[in-house]
């Protein structure tokens, strides 16, 4: 049996941050669970652009805990975090349980 590689779409503006290694986690809400192991990011605007990464940890928590968890409390106060997430998930709340997916480049 051939194992299917898990994948996630990512908006065009964030794709370069993944390629450079600046972005090493992503937050998802109400999407399929991602588990440790190989994963492919696919650029939403140009699906020919992909990068394979290794998921090292996947953690579920309320959105309001994420900034502290990833060490970005100063950059992501609650309102900034909520506004940023609502660009992708209009109905999300600070109390919503999200999945924080941490990965490394190959």
PDB file of N, CA and C in Angstrom:
ATOM      1  N   UNK A   1       0.837  -1.182   0.000  1.00  0.00           N
ATOM      2  CA  UNK A   1       0.000   0.000   0.000  1.00  0.00           C
ATOM      3  C   UNK A   1       0.884   1.250   0.000  1.00  0.00           C
ATOM      4  N   UNK A   2       0.584   2.192  -0.869  1.00  0.00           N
ATOM      5  CA  UNK A   2       1.346   3.428  -0.964  1.00  0.00           C
ATOM      6  C   UNK A   2       0.767   4.434   0.025  1.00  0.00           C
ATOM      7  N   UNK A   3       1.646   5.028   0.847  1.00  0.00           N
ATOM      8  CA  UNK A   3       1.212   6.012   1.817  1.00  0.00           C
ATOM      9  C   UNK A   3       1.036   7.358   1.131  1.00  0.00           C
ATOM     10  N   UNK A   4      -0.118   7.980   1.343  1.00  0.00           N
ATOM     11  CA  UNK A   4      -0.378   9.287   0.746  1.00  0.00           C
ATOM     12  C   UNK A   4       0.262  10.370   1.612  1.00  0.00           C
ATOM     13  N   UNK A   5       0.972  11.290   0.983  1.00  0.00           N
ATOM     14  CA  UNK A   5       1.590  12.392   1.707  1.00  0.00           C
ATOM     15  C   UNK A   5       0.514  13.380   2.125  1.00  0.00           C
ATOM     16  N   UNK A   6       0.522  13.781   3.391  1.00  0.00           N
ATOM     17  CA  UNK A   6      -0.420  14.796   3.839  1.00  0.00           C
ATOM     18  C   UNK A   6       0.012  16.137   3.263  1.00  0.00           C
ATOM     19  N   UNK A   7      -0.966  17.005   3.028  1.00  0.00           N
ATOM     20  CA  UNK A   7      -0.625  18.301   2.451  1.00  0.00           C
ATOM     21  C   UNK A   7      -1.539  19.380   3.002  1.00  0.00           C
ATOM     22  N   UNK A   8      -1.043  20.604   2.926  1.00  0.00           N
ATOM     23  CA  UNK A   8      -1.791  21.785   3.334  1.00  0.00           C
ATOM     24  C   UNK A   8      -1.570  22.882   2.311  1.00  0.00           C
ATOM     25  N   UNK A   9      -2.628  23.608   2.016  1.00  0.00           N
ATOM     26  CA  UNK A   9      -2.496  24.801   1.202  1.00  0.00           C
ATOM     27  C   UNK A   9      -2.022  25.958   2.067  1.00  0.00           C
ATOM     28  N   UNK A  10      -1.326  26.883   1.454  1.00  0.00           N
ATOM     29  CA  UNK A  10      -0.858  28.080   2.170  1.00  0.00           C
ATOM     30  C   UNK A  10      -0.982  29.278   1.233  1.00  0.00           C
ATOM     31  N   UNK A  11      -1.395  30.410   1.795  1.00  0.00           N
ATOM     32  CA  UNK A  11      -1.566  31.610   0.978  1.00  0.00           C
ATOM     33  C   UNK A  11      -0.221  32.080   0.427  1.00  0.00           C
ATOM     34  N   UNK A  12      -0.291  32.723  -0.708  1.00  0.00           N
ATOM     35  CA  UNK A  12       0.890  33.166  -1.451  1.00  0.00           C
ATOM     36  C   UNK A  12       1.836  34.015  -0.607  1.00  0.00           C
ATOM     37  N   UNK A  13       1.292  34.933   0.188  1.00  0.00           N
ATOM     38  CA  UNK A  13       2.149  35.857   0.959  1.00  0.00           C
ATOM     39  C   UNK A  13       2.961  35.148   2.035  1.00  0.00           C
ATOM     40  N   UNK A  14       2.527  33.960   2.497  1.00  0.00           N
ATOM     41  CA  UNK A  14       3.259  33.234   3.536  1.00  0.00           C
ATOM     42  C   UNK A  14       4.226  32.194   2.977  1.00  0.00           C
ATOM     43  N   UNK A  15       4.056  31.830   1.716  1.00  0.00           N
ATOM     44  CA  UNK A  15       4.881  30.769   1.139  1.00  0.00           C
ATOM     45  C   UNK A  15       6.384  31.082   1.210  1.00  0.00           C
ATOM     46  N   UNK A  16       6.829  32.308   0.895  1.00  0.00           N
ATOM     47  CA  UNK A  16       8.263  32.599   0.995  1.00  0.00           C
ATOM     48  C   UNK A  16       8.816  32.429   2.417  1.00  0.00           C
ATOM     49  N   UNK A  17       8.001  32.700   3.430  1.00  0.00           N
ATOM     50  CA  UNK A  17       8.451  32.534   4.815  1.00  0.00           C
ATOM     51  C   UNK A  17       8.670  31.054   5.150  1.00  0.00           C
ATOM     52  N   UNK A  18       7.894  30.185   4.531  1.00  0.00           N
ATOM     53  CA  UNK A  18       8.113  28.746   4.722  1.00  0.00           C
ATOM     54  C   UNK A  18       9.400  28.336   4.015  1.00  0.00           C
ATOM     55  N   UNK A  19       9.570  28.779   2.775  1.00  0.00           N
ATOM     56  CA  UNK A  19      10.768  28.434   1.996  1.00  0.00           C
ATOM     57  C   UNK A  19      12.049  28.866   2.697  1.00  0.00           C
ATOM     58  N   UNK A  20      12.025  30.040   3.344  1.00  0.00           N
ATOM     59  CA  UNK A  20      13.226  30.574   3.979  1.00  0.00           C
ATOM     60  C   UNK A  20      13.490  29.962   5.353  1.00  0.00           C
ATOM     61  N   UNK A  21      12.506  29.264   5.913  1.00  0.00           N
ATOM     62  CA  UNK A  21      12.654  28.715   7.254  1.00  0.00           C
ATOM     63  C   UNK A  21      12.261  29.695   8.342  1.00  0.00           C
ATOM     64  N   UNK A  22      11.799  30.886   7.953  1.00  0.00           N
ATOM     65  CA  UNK A  22      11.347  31.889   8.925  1.00  0.00           C
ATOM     66  C   UNK A  22      10.062  31.424   9.623  1.00  0.00           C
ATOM     67  N   UNK A  23       9.199  30.752   8.892  1.00  0.00           N
ATOM     68  CA  UNK A  23       7.927  30.250   9.426  1.00  0.00           C
ATOM     69  C   UNK A  23       8.053  28.745   9.634  1.00  0.00           C
ATOM     70  N   UNK A  24       7.919  28.315  10.892  1.00  0.00           N
ATOM     71  CA  UNK A  24       8.088  26.895  11.219  1.00  0.00           C
ATOM     72  C   UNK A  24       6.882  26.304  11.937  1.00  0.00           C
ATOM     73  N   UNK A  25       5.750  27.018  11.865  1.00  0.00           N
ATOM     74  CA  UNK A  25       4.508  26.475  12.412  1.00  0.00           C
ATOM     75  C   UNK A  25       3.343  27.087  11.644  1.00  0.00           C
ATOM     76  N   UNK A  26       2.213  26.408  11.713  1.00  0.00           N
ATOM     77  CA  UNK A  26       1.000  26.918  11.098  1.00  0.00           C
ATOM     78  C   UNK A  26      -0.170  26.563  12.003  1.00  0.00           C
ATOM     79  N   UNK A  27      -1.192  27.386  11.963  1.00  0.00           N
ATOM     80  CA  UNK A  27      -2.371  27.193  12.801  1.00  0.00           C
ATOM     81  C   UNK A  27      -3.546  26.875  11.891  1.00  0.00           C
ATOM     82  N   UNK A  28      -4.257  25.812  12.197  1.00  0.00           N
ATOM     83  CA  UNK A  28      -5.405  25.402  11.391  1.00  0.00           C
ATOM     84  C   UNK A  28      -6.622  25.183  12.273  1.00  0.00           C
ATOM     85  N   UNK A  29      -7.804  25.444  11.697  1.00  0.00           N
ATOM     86  CA  UNK A  29      -9.055  25.281  12.429  1.00  0.00           C
ATOM     87  C   UNK A  29     -10.050  24.540  11.552  1.00  0.00           C
ATOM     88  N   UNK A  30     -10.623  23.516  12.114  1.00  0.00           N
ATOM     89  CA  UNK A  30     -11.645  22.708  11.442  1.00  0.00           C
ATOM     90  C   UNK A  30     -11.155  22.183  10.093  1.00  0.00           C
ATOM     91  N   UNK A  31      -9.911  21.764  10.058  1.00  0.00           N
ATOM     92  CA  UNK A  31      -9.337  21.123   8.880  1.00  0.00           C
ATOM     93  C   UNK A  31      -8.888  19.726   9.291  1.00  0.00           C
ATOM     94  N   UNK A  32      -8.605  18.854   8.325  1.00  0.00           N
ATOM     95  CA  UNK A  32      -8.158  17.495   8.685  1.00  0.00           C
ATOM     96  C   UNK A  32      -6.918  17.531   9.581  1.00  0.00           C
ATOM     97  N   UNK A  33      -6.871  16.588  10.526  1.00  0.00           N
ATOM     98  CA  UNK A  33      -5.721  16.507  11.421  1.00  0.00           C
ATOM     99  C   UNK A  33      -4.447  16.187  10.650  1.00  0.00           C
ATOM    100  N   UNK A  34      -3.387  16.855  11.031  1.00  0.00           N
ATOM    101  CA  UNK A  34      -2.056  16.594  10.493  1.00  0.00           C
ATOM    102  C   UNK A  34      -1.273  15.895  11.602  1.00  0.00           C
ATOM    103  N   UNK A  35      -0.552  14.861  11.239  1.00  0.00           N
ATOM    104  CA  UNK A  35       0.201  14.079  12.214  1.00  0.00           C
ATOM    105  C   UNK A  35       1.697  14.189  11.912  1.00  0.00           C
ATOM    106  N   UNK A  36       2.547  13.911  12.909  1.00  0.00           N
ATOM    107  CA  UNK A  36       3.984  13.943  12.647  1.00  0.00           C
ATOM    108  C   UNK A  36       4.373  13.043  11.478  1.00  0.00           C
ATOM    109  N   UNK A  37       5.317  13.533  10.684  1.00  0.00           N
ATOM    110  CA  UNK A  37       5.777  12.817   9.499  1.00  0.00           C
ATOM    111  C   UNK A  37       5.857  13.764   8.321  1.00  0.00           C
ATOM    112  N   UNK A  38       6.049  13.226   7.120  1.00  0.00           N
ATOM    113  CA  UNK A  38       6.184  14.067   5.931  1.00  0.00           C
ATOM    114  C   UNK A  38       4.893  14.830   5.618  1.00  0.00           C
ATOM    115  N   UNK A  39       5.052  16.048   5.131  1.00  0.00           N
ATOM    116  CA  UNK A  39       3.917  16.858   4.707  1.00  0.00           C
ATOM    117  C   UNK A  39       4.374  17.790   3.589  1.00  0.00           C
ATOM    118  N   UNK A  40       3.464  18.092   2.701  1.00  0.00           N
ATOM    119  CA  UNK A  40       3.756  19.009   1.589  1.00  0.00           C
ATOM    120  C   UNK A  40       2.894  20.255   1.718  1.00  0.00           C
ATOM    121  N   UNK A  41       3.535  21.429   1.659  1.00  0.00           N
ATOM    122  CA  UNK A  41       2.808  22.684   1.543  1.00  0.00           C
ATOM    123  C   UNK A  41       2.630  22.970   0.059  1.00  0.00           C
ATOM    124  N   UNK A  42       1.440  23.434  -0.307  1.00  0.00           N
ATOM    125  CA  UNK A  42       1.125  23.804  -1.681  1.00  0.00           C
ATOM    126  C   UNK A  42       0.665  25.258  -1.665  1.00  0.00           C
ATOM    127  N   UNK A  43       1.288  26.074  -2.479  1.00  0.00           N
ATOM    128  CA  UNK A  43       0.921  27.482  -2.576  1.00  0.00           C
ATOM    129  C   UNK A  43      -0.469  27.590  -3.204  1.00  0.00           C
ATOM    130  N   UNK A  44      -1.401  28.263  -2.517  1.00  0.00           N
ATOM    131  CA  UNK A  44      -2.777  28.368  -3.006  1.00  0.00           C
ATOM    132  C   UNK A  44      -2.863  29.038  -4.376  1.00  0.00           C
ATOM    133  N   UNK A  45      -2.086  30.074  -4.591  1.00  0.00           N
ATOM    134  CA  UNK A  45      -2.189  30.842  -5.824  1.00  0.00           C
ATOM    135  C   UNK A  45      -1.416  30.227  -6.996  1.00  0.00           C
ATOM    136  N   UNK A  46      -0.433  29.389  -6.718  1.00  0.00           N
ATOM    137  CA  UNK A  46       0.352  28.730  -7.768  1.00  0.00           C
ATOM    138  C   UNK A  46       0.677  27.318  -7.284  1.00  0.00           C
ATOM    139  N   UNK A  47      -0.192  26.370  -7.599  1.00  0.00           N
ATOM    140  CA  UNK A  47      -0.074  25.029  -7.056  1.00  0.00           C
ATOM    141  C   UNK A  47       1.127  24.252  -7.578  1.00  0.00           C
ATOM    142  N   UNK A  48       1.871  24.849  -8.501  1.00  0.00           N
ATOM    143  CA  UNK A  48       3.129  24.249  -8.933  1.00  0.00           C
ATOM    144  C   UNK A  48       4.220  24.470  -7.886  1.00  0.00           C
ATOM    145  N   UNK A  49       4.019  25.487  -7.031  1.00  0.00           N
ATOM    146  CA  UNK A  49       4.978  25.772  -5.960  1.00  0.00           C
ATOM    147  C   UNK A  49       4.644  24.899  -4.752  1.00  0.00           C
ATOM    148  N   UNK A  50       5.581  24.042  -4.402  1.00  0.00           N
ATOM    149  CA  UNK A  50       5.396  23.173  -3.240  1.00  0.00           C
ATOM    150  C   UNK A  50       6.699  23.092  -2.468  1.00  0.00           C
ATOM    151  N   UNK A  51       6.581  22.688  -1.217  1.00  0.00           N
ATOM    152  CA  UNK A  51       7.769  22.376  -0.422  1.00  0.00           C
ATOM    153  C   UNK A  51       7.395  21.254   0.535  1.00  0.00           C
ATOM    154  N   UNK A  52       8.277  20.277   0.629  1.00  0.00           N
ATOM    155  CA  UNK A  52       8.074  19.161   1.539  1.00  0.00           C
ATOM    156  C   UNK A  52       8.780  19.460   2.850  1.00  0.00           C
ATOM    157  N   UNK A  53       8.078  19.216   3.954  1.00  0.00           N
ATOM    158  CA  UNK A  53       8.613  19.455   5.292  1.00  0.00           C
ATOM    159  C   UNK A  53       8.376  18.211   6.137  1.00  0.00           C
ATOM    160  N   UNK A  54       8.943  18.217   7.326  1.00  0.00           N
ATOM    161  CA  UNK A  54       8.741  17.138   8.291  1.00  0.00           C
ATOM    162  C   UNK A  54       7.981  17.711   9.485  1.00  0.00           C
ATOM    163  N   UNK A  55       6.750  17.243   9.693  1.00  0.00           N
ATOM    164  CA  UNK A  55       5.970  17.672  10.853  1.00  0.00           C
ATOM    165  C   UNK A  55       6.573  17.007  12.083  1.00  0.00           C
ATOM    166  N   UNK A  56       6.930  17.824  13.068  1.00  0.00           N
ATOM    167  CA  UNK A  56       7.545  17.276  14.277  1.00  0.00           C
ATOM    168  C   UNK A  56       6.575  17.216  15.451  1.00  0.00           C
ATOM    169  N   UNK A  57       5.525  18.060  15.409  1.00  0.00           N
ATOM    170  CA  UNK A  57       4.552  18.029  16.494  1.00  0.00           C
ATOM    171  C   UNK A  57       3.255  18.678  16.021  1.00  0.00           C
ATOM    172  N   UNK A  58       2.150  18.147  16.486  1.00  0.00           N
ATOM    173  CA  UNK A  58       0.834  18.687  16.195  1.00  0.00           C
ATOM    174  C   UNK A  58       0.065  18.746  17.519  1.00  0.00           C
ATOM    175  N   UNK A  59      -0.357  19.940  17.905  1.00  0.00           N
ATOM    176  CA  UNK A  59      -0.945  20.147  19.222  1.00  0.00           C
ATOM    177  C   UNK A  59      -2.271  20.883  19.093  1.00  0.00           C
ATOM    178  N   UNK A  60      -3.278  20.410  19.797  1.00  0.00           N
ATOM    179  CA  UNK A  60      -4.582  21.070  19.817  1.00  0.00           C
ATOM    180  C   UNK A  60      -4.694  21.929  21.067  1.00  0.00           C
ATOM    181  N   UNK A  61      -5.215  23.158  20.903  1.00  0.00           N
ATOM    182  CA  UNK A  61      -5.365  24.079  22.029  1.00  0.00           C
ATOM    183  C   UNK A  61      -6.312  25.198  21.625  1.00  0.00           C
ATOM    184  N   UNK A  62      -6.838  25.946  22.613  1.00  0.00           N
ATOM    185  CA  UNK A  62      -7.636  27.125  22.264  1.00  0.00           C
ATOM    186  C   UNK A  62      -6.759  28.166  21.574  1.00  0.00           C
ATOM    187  N   UNK A  63      -7.355  28.900  20.653  1.00  0.00           N
ATOM    188  CA  UNK A  63      -6.605  29.917  19.911  1.00  0.00           C
ATOM    189  C   UNK A  63      -5.902  30.903  20.839  1.00  0.00           C
ATOM    190  N   UNK A  64      -6.534  31.266  21.958  1.00  0.00           N
ATOM    191  CA  UNK A  64      -5.920  32.261  22.846  1.00  0.00           C
ATOM    192  C   UNK A  64      -4.622  31.781  23.483  1.00  0.00           C
ATOM    193  N   UNK A  65      -4.304  30.488  23.421  1.00  0.00           N
ATOM    194  CA  UNK A  65      -3.056  29.967  23.989  1.00  0.00           C
ATOM    195  C   UNK A  65      -1.910  29.879  22.974  1.00  0.00           C
ATOM    196  N   UNK A  66      -2.224  30.054  21.701  1.00  0.00           N
ATOM    197  CA  UNK A  66      -1.238  29.789  20.648  1.00  0.00           C
ATOM    198  C   UNK A  66      -0.039  30.738  20.695  1.00  0.00           C
ATOM    199  N   UNK A  67      -0.261  32.026  20.854  1.00  0.00           N
ATOM    200  CA  UNK A  67       0.852  32.985  20.833  1.00  0.00           C
ATOM    201  C   UNK A  67       1.894  32.627  21.880  1.00  0.00           C
ATOM    202  N   UNK A  68       1.457  32.297  23.074  1.00  0.00           N
ATOM    203  CA  UNK A  68       2.382  31.905  24.137  1.00  0.00           C
ATOM    204  C   UNK A  68       3.092  30.597  23.779  1.00  0.00           C
ATOM    205  N   UNK A  69       2.341  29.656  23.239  1.00  0.00           N
ATOM    206  CA  UNK A  69       2.884  28.341  22.891  1.00  0.00           C
ATOM    207  C   UNK A  69       4.021  28.445  21.874  1.00  0.00           C
ATOM    208  N   UNK A  70       3.874  29.326  20.888  1.00  0.00           N
ATOM    209  CA  UNK A  70       4.896  29.453  19.839  1.00  0.00           C
ATOM    210  C   UNK A  70       5.873  30.603  20.101  1.00  0.00           C
ATOM    211  N   UNK A  71       5.780  31.235  21.283  1.00  0.00           N
ATOM    212  CA  UNK A  71       6.732  32.282  21.644  1.00  0.00           C
ATOM    213  C   UNK A  71       6.541  33.594  20.919  1.00  0.00           C
ATOM    214  N   UNK A  72       5.281  33.940  20.597  1.00  0.00           N
ATOM    215  CA  UNK A  72       5.021  35.186  19.874  1.00  0.00           C
ATOM    216  C   UNK A  72       4.011  36.073  20.593  1.00  0.00           C
ATOM    217  N   UNK A  73       4.060  36.050  21.919  1.00  0.00           N
ATOM    218  CA  UNK A  73       3.092  36.814  22.710  1.00  0.00           C
ATOM    219  C   UNK A  73       3.142  38.304  22.381  1.00  0.00           C
ATOM    220  N   UNK A  74       4.323  38.865  22.211  1.00  0.00           N
ATOM    221  CA  UNK A  74       4.443  40.301  21.909  1.00  0.00           C
ATOM    222  C   UNK A  74       3.903  40.636  20.523  1.00  0.00           C
ATOM    223  N   UNK A  75       4.149  39.753  19.554  1.00  0.00           N
ATOM    224  CA  UNK A  75       3.721  40.013  18.174  1.00  0.00           C
ATOM    225  C   UNK A  75       2.249  39.722  17.937  1.00  0.00           C
ATOM    226  N   UNK A  76       1.680  38.798  18.700  1.00  0.00           N
ATOM    227  CA  UNK A  76       0.306  38.355  18.480  1.00  0.00           C
ATOM    228  C   UNK A  76      -0.574  38.536  19.709  1.00  0.00           C
ATOM    229  N   UNK A  77      -0.853  39.792  20.137  1.00  0.00           N
ATOM    230  CA  UNK A  77      -1.848  39.944  21.192  1.00  0.00           C
ATOM    231  C   UNK A  77      -3.187  39.378  20.687  1.00  0.00           C
ATOM    232  N   UNK A  78      -4.086  39.075  21.617  1.00  0.00           N
ATOM    233  CA  UNK A  78      -5.321  38.378  21.253  1.00  0.00           C
ATOM    234  C   UNK A  78      -6.034  38.973  20.041  1.00  0.00           C
ATOM    235  N   UNK A  79      -6.225  40.291  20.009  1.00  0.00           N
ATOM    236  CA  UNK A  79      -6.999  40.896  18.924  1.00  0.00           C
ATOM    237  C   UNK A  79      -6.290  40.752  17.579  1.00  0.00           C
ATOM    238  N   UNK A  80      -4.977  40.891  17.556  1.00  0.00           N
ATOM    239  CA  UNK A  80      -4.207  40.721  16.314  1.00  0.00           C
ATOM    240  C   UNK A  80      -4.305  39.271  15.847  1.00  0.00           C
ATOM    241  N   UNK A  81      -4.154  38.330  16.780  1.00  0.00           N
ATOM    242  CA  UNK A  81      -4.269  36.908  16.454  1.00  0.00           C
ATOM    243  C   UNK A  81      -5.642  36.615  15.859  1.00  0.00           C
ATOM    244  N   UNK A  82      -6.683  37.115  16.511  1.00  0.00           N
ATOM    245  CA  UNK A  82      -8.046  36.847  16.058  1.00  0.00           C
ATOM    246  C   UNK A  82      -8.295  37.446  14.676  1.00  0.00           C
ATOM    247  N   UNK A  83      -7.872  38.679  14.464  1.00  0.00           N
ATOM    248  CA  UNK A  83      -8.060  39.317  13.154  1.00  0.00           C
ATOM    249  C   UNK A  83      -7.331  38.552  12.057  1.00  0.00           C
ATOM    250  N   UNK A  84      -6.097  38.138  12.345  1.00  0.00           N
ATOM    251  CA  UNK A  84      -5.327  37.389  11.361  1.00  0.00           C
ATOM    252  C   UNK A  84      -5.974  36.056  11.009  1.00  0.00           C
ATOM    253  N   UNK A  85      -6.465  35.361  12.009  1.00  0.00           N
ATOM    254  CA  UNK A  85      -7.099  34.060  11.763  1.00  0.00           C
ATOM    255  C   UNK A  85      -8.441  34.214  11.043  1.00  0.00           C
ATOM    256  N   UNK A  86      -9.146  35.314  11.302  1.00  0.00           N
ATOM    257  CA  UNK A  86     -10.451  35.524  10.651  1.00  0.00           C
ATOM    258  C   UNK A  86     -10.312  35.818   9.161  1.00  0.00           C
ATOM    259  N   UNK A  87      -9.105  36.176   8.704  1.00  0.00           N
ATOM    260  CA  UNK A  87      -8.884  36.308   7.259  1.00  0.00           C
ATOM    261  C   UNK A  87      -9.152  34.972   6.573  1.00  0.00           C
ATOM    262  N   UNK A  88      -8.827  33.884   7.262  1.00  0.00           N
ATOM    263  CA  UNK A  88      -8.959  32.539   6.698  1.00  0.00           C
ATOM    264  C   UNK A  88     -10.189  31.808   7.224  1.00  0.00           C
ATOM    265  N   UNK A  89     -10.556  32.094   8.470  1.00  0.00           N
ATOM    266  CA  UNK A  89     -11.658  31.405   9.150  1.00  0.00           C
ATOM    267  C   UNK A  89     -12.569  32.457   9.788  1.00  0.00           C
ATOM    268  N   UNK A  90     -13.519  33.016   9.039  1.00  0.00           N
ATOM    269  CA  UNK A  90     -14.325  34.140   9.537  1.00  0.00           C
ATOM    270  C   UNK A  90     -15.069  33.876  10.847  1.00  0.00           C
ATOM    271  N   UNK A  91     -15.416  32.639  11.143  1.00  0.00           N
ATOM    272  CA  UNK A  91     -16.217  32.336  12.337  1.00  0.00           C
ATOM    273  C   UNK A  91     -15.391  31.924  13.558  1.00  0.00           C
ATOM    274  N   UNK A  92     -14.069  31.961  13.450  1.00  0.00           N
ATOM    275  CA  UNK A  92     -13.232  31.512  14.565  1.00  0.00           C
ATOM    276  C   UNK A  92     -13.333  32.475  15.752  1.00  0.00           C
ATOM    277  N   UNK A  93     -13.189  31.925  16.954  1.00  0.00           N
ATOM    278  CA  UNK A  93     -13.197  32.709  18.191  1.00  0.00           C
ATOM    279  C   UNK A  93     -11.901  32.419  18.940  1.00  0.00           C
ATOM    280  N   UNK A  94     -11.572  33.262  19.906  1.00  0.00           N
ATOM    281  CA  UNK A  94     -10.377  33.020  20.716  1.00  0.00           C
ATOM    282  C   UNK A  94     -10.483  31.704  21.484  1.00  0.00           C
ATOM    283  N   UNK A  95     -11.695  31.262  21.770  1.00  0.00           N
ATOM    284  CA  UNK A  95     -11.895  30.015  22.502  1.00  0.00           C
ATOM    285  C   UNK A  95     -11.920  28.782  21.590  1.00  0.00           C
ATOM    286  N   UNK A  96     -11.890  28.985  20.274  1.00  0.00           N
ATOM    287  CA  UNK A  96     -11.929  27.853  19.334  1.00  0.00           C
ATOM    288  C   UNK A  96     -10.690  26.978  19.490  1.00  0.00           C
ATOM    289  N   UNK A  97     -10.887  25.677  19.421  1.00  0.00           N
ATOM    290  CA  UNK A  97      -9.757  24.743  19.492  1.00  0.00           C
ATOM    291  C   UNK A  97      -9.131  24.645  18.105  1.00  0.00           C
ATOM    292  N   UNK A  98      -7.855  24.970  18.034  1.00  0.00           N
ATOM    293  CA  UNK A  98      -7.104  24.946  16.776  1.00  0.00           C
ATOM    294  C   UNK A  98      -6.014  23.890  16.860  1.00  0.00           C
ATOM    295  N   UNK A  99      -5.430  23.612  15.725  1.00  0.00           N
ATOM    296  CA  UNK A  99      -4.303  22.693  15.647  1.00  0.00           C
ATOM    297  C   UNK A  99      -3.060  23.506  15.287  1.00  0.00           C
ATOM    298  N   UNK A 100      -2.043  23.434  16.141  1.00  0.00           N
ATOM    299  CA  UNK A 100      -0.764  24.084  15.867  1.00  0.00           C
ATOM    300  C   UNK A 100       0.164  22.998  15.319  1.00  0.00           C
ATOM    301  N   UNK A 101       0.591  23.186  14.079  1.00  0.00           N
ATOM    302  CA  UNK A 101       1.429  22.200  13.401  1.00  0.00           C
ATOM    303  C   UNK A 101       2.835  22.784  13.303  1.00  0.00           C
ATOM    304  N   UNK A 102       3.784  22.113  13.963  1.00  0.00           N
ATOM    305  CA  UNK A 102       5.180  22.546  13.941  1.00  0.00           C
ATOM    306  C   UNK A 102       5.950  21.619  13.012  1.00  0.00           C
ATOM    307  N   UNK A 103       6.841  22.201  12.232  1.00  0.00           N
ATOM    308  CA  UNK A 103       7.556  21.411  11.220  1.00  0.00           C
ATOM    309  C   UNK A 103       8.970  21.942  11.056  1.00  0.00           C
ATOM    310  N   UNK A 104       9.772  21.175  10.341  1.00  0.00           N
ATOM    311  CA  UNK A 104      11.124  21.625   9.993  1.00  0.00           C
ATOM    312  C   UNK A 104      11.341  21.362   8.508  1.00  0.00           C
ATOM    313  N   UNK A 105      12.246  22.136   7.963  1.00  0.00           N
ATOM    314  CA  UNK A 105      12.613  21.940   6.554  1.00  0.00           C
ATOM    315  C   UNK A 105      13.514  20.721   6.463  1.00  0.00           C
ATOM    316  N   UNK A 106      13.519  20.086   5.291  1.00  0.00           N
ATOM    317  CA  UNK A 106      14.371  18.893   5.128  1.00  0.00           C
ATOM    318  C   UNK A 106      15.851  19.225   5.208  1.00  0.00           C
TER     319      UNK A 106
END
